[in-house]
Structures are given as structure tokens and as C-alpha cells.
Amino acid sequence: MSNKADDAGVIQVLLERFNEQRLPRALLMKEKVDRGETLETFEVDYLAEVLKDIQSIRGLVERHPEYQELVAKGINLYKEITEKAVANETGK
């Protein structure tokens, strides 16, 4: 069973990390792939780590549907980066 205070604390930390670290880094990667560049190995590894983290907060998001749209937008951003990176890598 989830404790609302615990959830609130975790959500606060996740939002801060997203706003201060993950979103700025994602936007830099998006700019890079939009210029036709490919991602470095460490950037691909980072995207894999982010996707793993998203899976780990699935239950939290299900308990707090008010954050589902925000999470969906973040996922979509990472999806766009990944698809563009693959296209740049394959020359499509």
C-alpha cells in the first residue's frame, strides 16, 4: 500500500530531477539529432536508463493520474529523440 506523503516526496524529487537534469539534457539531444547528428554511446546509454526509470515509476503514475499527461509528453520526447537518432544513424 502506498503512503500519500511518501508518494508526494518521490513525486517532488522526480519533478525536480526532470526539470533540472533530464529535460535540459533531452532538449540538447533533440537539437543534436534535429541537426542530423548521431548520438554518442553514452547518450544512448542515458536514454536506456531513462526508459528503465520510467518503467520503475509506472505504479506511482497509475496512482496519480494527474501526472499521466506530463509523463506521456516526456516519453514522447524521448521517443522522438530515439526515432530521429536511428534515422540519422541509418541515413533515412
C-alpha atoms as a PDB file:
ATOM      1  CA  MET A   1       0.000   0.000   0.000  1.00  0.00           C
ATOM      2  CA  SER A   2       1.211   3.473  -0.820  1.00  0.00           C
ATOM      3  CA  ASN A   3       1.644   6.295   1.634  1.00  0.00           C
ATOM      4  CA  LYS A   4       0.461   9.629   0.214  1.00  0.00           C
ATOM      5  CA  ALA A   5       3.256  11.526   1.975  1.00  0.00           C
ATOM      6  CA  ASP A   6       5.851   9.129   0.562  1.00  0.00           C
ATOM      7  CA  ASP A   7       4.369   9.465  -2.918  1.00  0.00           C
ATOM      8  CA  ALA A   8       4.366  13.255  -2.625  1.00  0.00           C
ATOM      9  CA  GLY A   9       8.047  13.258  -1.675  1.00  0.00           C
ATOM     10  CA  VAL A  10       9.012  10.935  -4.509  1.00  0.00           C
ATOM     11  CA  ILE A  11       6.987  12.962  -6.995  1.00  0.00           C
ATOM     12  CA  GLN A  12       8.665  16.173  -5.857  1.00  0.00           C
ATOM     13  CA  VAL A  13      12.132  14.670  -6.313  1.00  0.00           C
ATOM     14  CA  LEU A  14      11.219  13.219  -9.726  1.00  0.00           C
ATOM     15  CA  LEU A  15       9.817  16.547 -10.928  1.00  0.00           C
ATOM     16  CA  GLU A  16      12.925  18.416  -9.769  1.00  0.00           C
ATOM     17  CA  ARG A  17      15.198  15.895 -11.477  1.00  0.00           C
ATOM     18  CA  PHE A  18      13.160  16.089 -14.671  1.00  0.00           C
ATOM     19  CA  ASN A  19      13.133  19.890 -14.740  1.00  0.00           C
ATOM     20  CA  GLU A  20      16.749  20.428 -13.708  1.00  0.00           C
ATOM     21  CA  GLN A  21      18.522  17.482 -15.328  1.00  0.00           C
ATOM     22  CA  ARG A  22      16.552  15.278 -17.655  1.00  0.00           C
ATOM     23  CA  LEU A  23      14.592  17.825 -19.672  1.00  0.00           C
ATOM     24  CA  PRO A  24      17.580  20.088 -20.410  1.00  0.00           C
ATOM     25  CA  ARG A  25      19.666  17.078 -21.436  1.00  0.00           C
ATOM     26  CA  ALA A  26      16.851  15.689 -23.590  1.00  0.00           C
ATOM     27  CA  LEU A  27      16.416  19.032 -25.334  1.00  0.00           C
ATOM     28  CA  LEU A  28      20.139  19.153 -26.111  1.00  0.00           C
ATOM     29  CA  MET A  29      19.974  15.656 -27.585  1.00  0.00           C
ATOM     30  CA  LYS A  30      16.896  16.618 -29.598  1.00  0.00           C
ATOM     31  CA  GLU A  31      18.704  19.649 -31.030  1.00  0.00           C
ATOM     32  CA  LYS A  32      21.616  17.380 -31.917  1.00  0.00           C
ATOM     33  CA  VAL A  33      19.542  14.785 -33.758  1.00  0.00           C
ATOM     34  CA  ASP A  34      17.452  17.505 -35.419  1.00  0.00           C
ATOM     35  CA  ARG A  35      20.730  18.787 -36.930  1.00  0.00           C
ATOM     36  CA  GLY A  36      21.245  15.332 -38.436  1.00  0.00           C
ATOM     37  CA  GLU A  37      23.897  14.235 -35.962  1.00  0.00           C
ATOM     38  CA  THR A  38      24.085  10.834 -34.318  1.00  0.00           C
ATOM     39  CA  LEU A  39      24.152  10.139 -30.607  1.00  0.00           C
ATOM     40  CA  GLU A  40      27.247   9.057 -28.732  1.00  0.00           C
ATOM     41  CA  THR A  41      27.232   5.730 -26.893  1.00  0.00           C
ATOM     42  CA  PHE A  42      26.906   7.459 -23.514  1.00  0.00           C
ATOM     43  CA  GLU A  43      23.805   9.300 -24.798  1.00  0.00           C
ATOM     44  CA  VAL A  44      22.203   6.067 -25.984  1.00  0.00           C
ATOM     45  CA  ASP A  45      23.002   4.504 -22.609  1.00  0.00           C
ATOM     46  CA  TYR A  46      21.427   7.516 -20.909  1.00  0.00           C
ATOM     47  CA  LEU A  47      18.222   7.108 -22.933  1.00  0.00           C
ATOM     48  CA  ALA A  48      18.089   3.430 -21.966  1.00  0.00           C
ATOM     49  CA  GLU A  49      18.491   4.402 -18.305  1.00  0.00           C
ATOM     50  CA  VAL A  50      15.672   6.949 -18.579  1.00  0.00           C
ATOM     51  CA  LEU A  51      13.342   4.388 -20.152  1.00  0.00           C
ATOM     52  CA  LYS A  52      14.170   1.931 -17.380  1.00  0.00           C
ATOM     53  CA  ASP A  53      13.399   4.605 -14.790  1.00  0.00           C
ATOM     54  CA  ILE A  54      10.081   5.358 -16.475  1.00  0.00           C
ATOM     55  CA  GLN A  55       9.132   1.702 -16.125  1.00  0.00           C
ATOM     56  CA  SER A  56      10.015   1.786 -12.435  1.00  0.00           C
ATOM     57  CA  ILE A  57       7.617   4.670 -11.697  1.00  0.00           C
ATOM     58  CA  ARG A  58       4.712   3.110 -13.538  1.00  0.00           C
ATOM     59  CA  GLY A  59       2.809   2.274 -10.346  1.00  0.00           C
ATOM     60  CA  LEU A  60       3.338   5.772  -8.993  1.00  0.00           C
ATOM     61  CA  VAL A  61       1.923   7.316 -12.163  1.00  0.00           C
ATOM     62  CA  GLU A  62      -1.040   4.937 -12.074  1.00  0.00           C
ATOM     63  CA  ARG A  63      -1.781   6.060  -8.501  1.00  0.00           C
ATOM     64  CA  HIS A  64      -1.512   9.716  -9.537  1.00  0.00           C
ATOM     65  CA  PRO A  65      -3.260  10.142 -12.885  1.00  0.00           C
ATOM     66  CA  GLU A  66      -2.817  13.907 -12.674  1.00  0.00           C
ATOM     67  CA  TYR A  67       0.792  13.310 -13.807  1.00  0.00           C
ATOM     68  CA  GLN A  68      -0.005  10.941 -16.676  1.00  0.00           C
ATOM     69  CA  GLU A  69      -0.087  13.670 -19.323  1.00  0.00           C
ATOM     70  CA  LEU A  70       3.279  15.066 -18.206  1.00  0.00           C
ATOM     71  CA  VAL A  71       4.850  11.610 -18.218  1.00  0.00           C
ATOM     72  CA  ALA A  72       3.351  10.892 -21.630  1.00  0.00           C
ATOM     73  CA  LYS A  73       4.851  14.110 -23.021  1.00  0.00           C
ATOM     74  CA  GLY A  74       8.256  13.164 -21.605  1.00  0.00           C
ATOM     75  CA  ILE A  75       8.017   9.700 -23.104  1.00  0.00           C
ATOM     76  CA  ASN A  76       7.047  11.201 -26.444  1.00  0.00           C
ATOM     77  CA  LEU A  77      10.087  13.498 -26.353  1.00  0.00           C
ATOM     78  CA  TYR A  78      12.409  10.547 -25.706  1.00  0.00           C
ATOM     79  CA  LYS A  79      10.641   8.591 -28.464  1.00  0.00           C
ATOM     80  CA  GLU A  80      11.181  11.449 -30.932  1.00  0.00           C
ATOM     81  CA  ILE A  81      14.867  11.646 -29.999  1.00  0.00           C
ATOM     82  CA  THR A  82      15.295   7.897 -30.380  1.00  0.00           C
ATOM     83  CA  GLU A  83      13.494   7.702 -33.726  1.00  0.00           C
ATOM     84  CA  LYS A  84      15.431  10.645 -35.147  1.00  0.00           C
ATOM     85  CA  ALA A  85      18.717   9.233 -33.855  1.00  0.00           C
ATOM     86  CA  VAL A  86      18.009   5.881 -35.532  1.00  0.00           C
ATOM     87  CA  ALA A  87      17.077   7.654 -38.776  1.00  0.00           C
ATOM     88  CA  ASN A  88      20.315   9.671 -38.651  1.00  0.00           C
ATOM     89  CA  GLU A  89      22.311   6.528 -37.958  1.00  0.00           C
ATOM     90  CA  THR A  90      20.792   4.643 -40.879  1.00  0.00           C
ATOM     91  CA  GLY A  91      20.757   7.639 -43.200  1.00  0.00           C
ATOM     92  CA  LYS A  92      16.982   7.682 -43.660  1.00  0.00           C
END
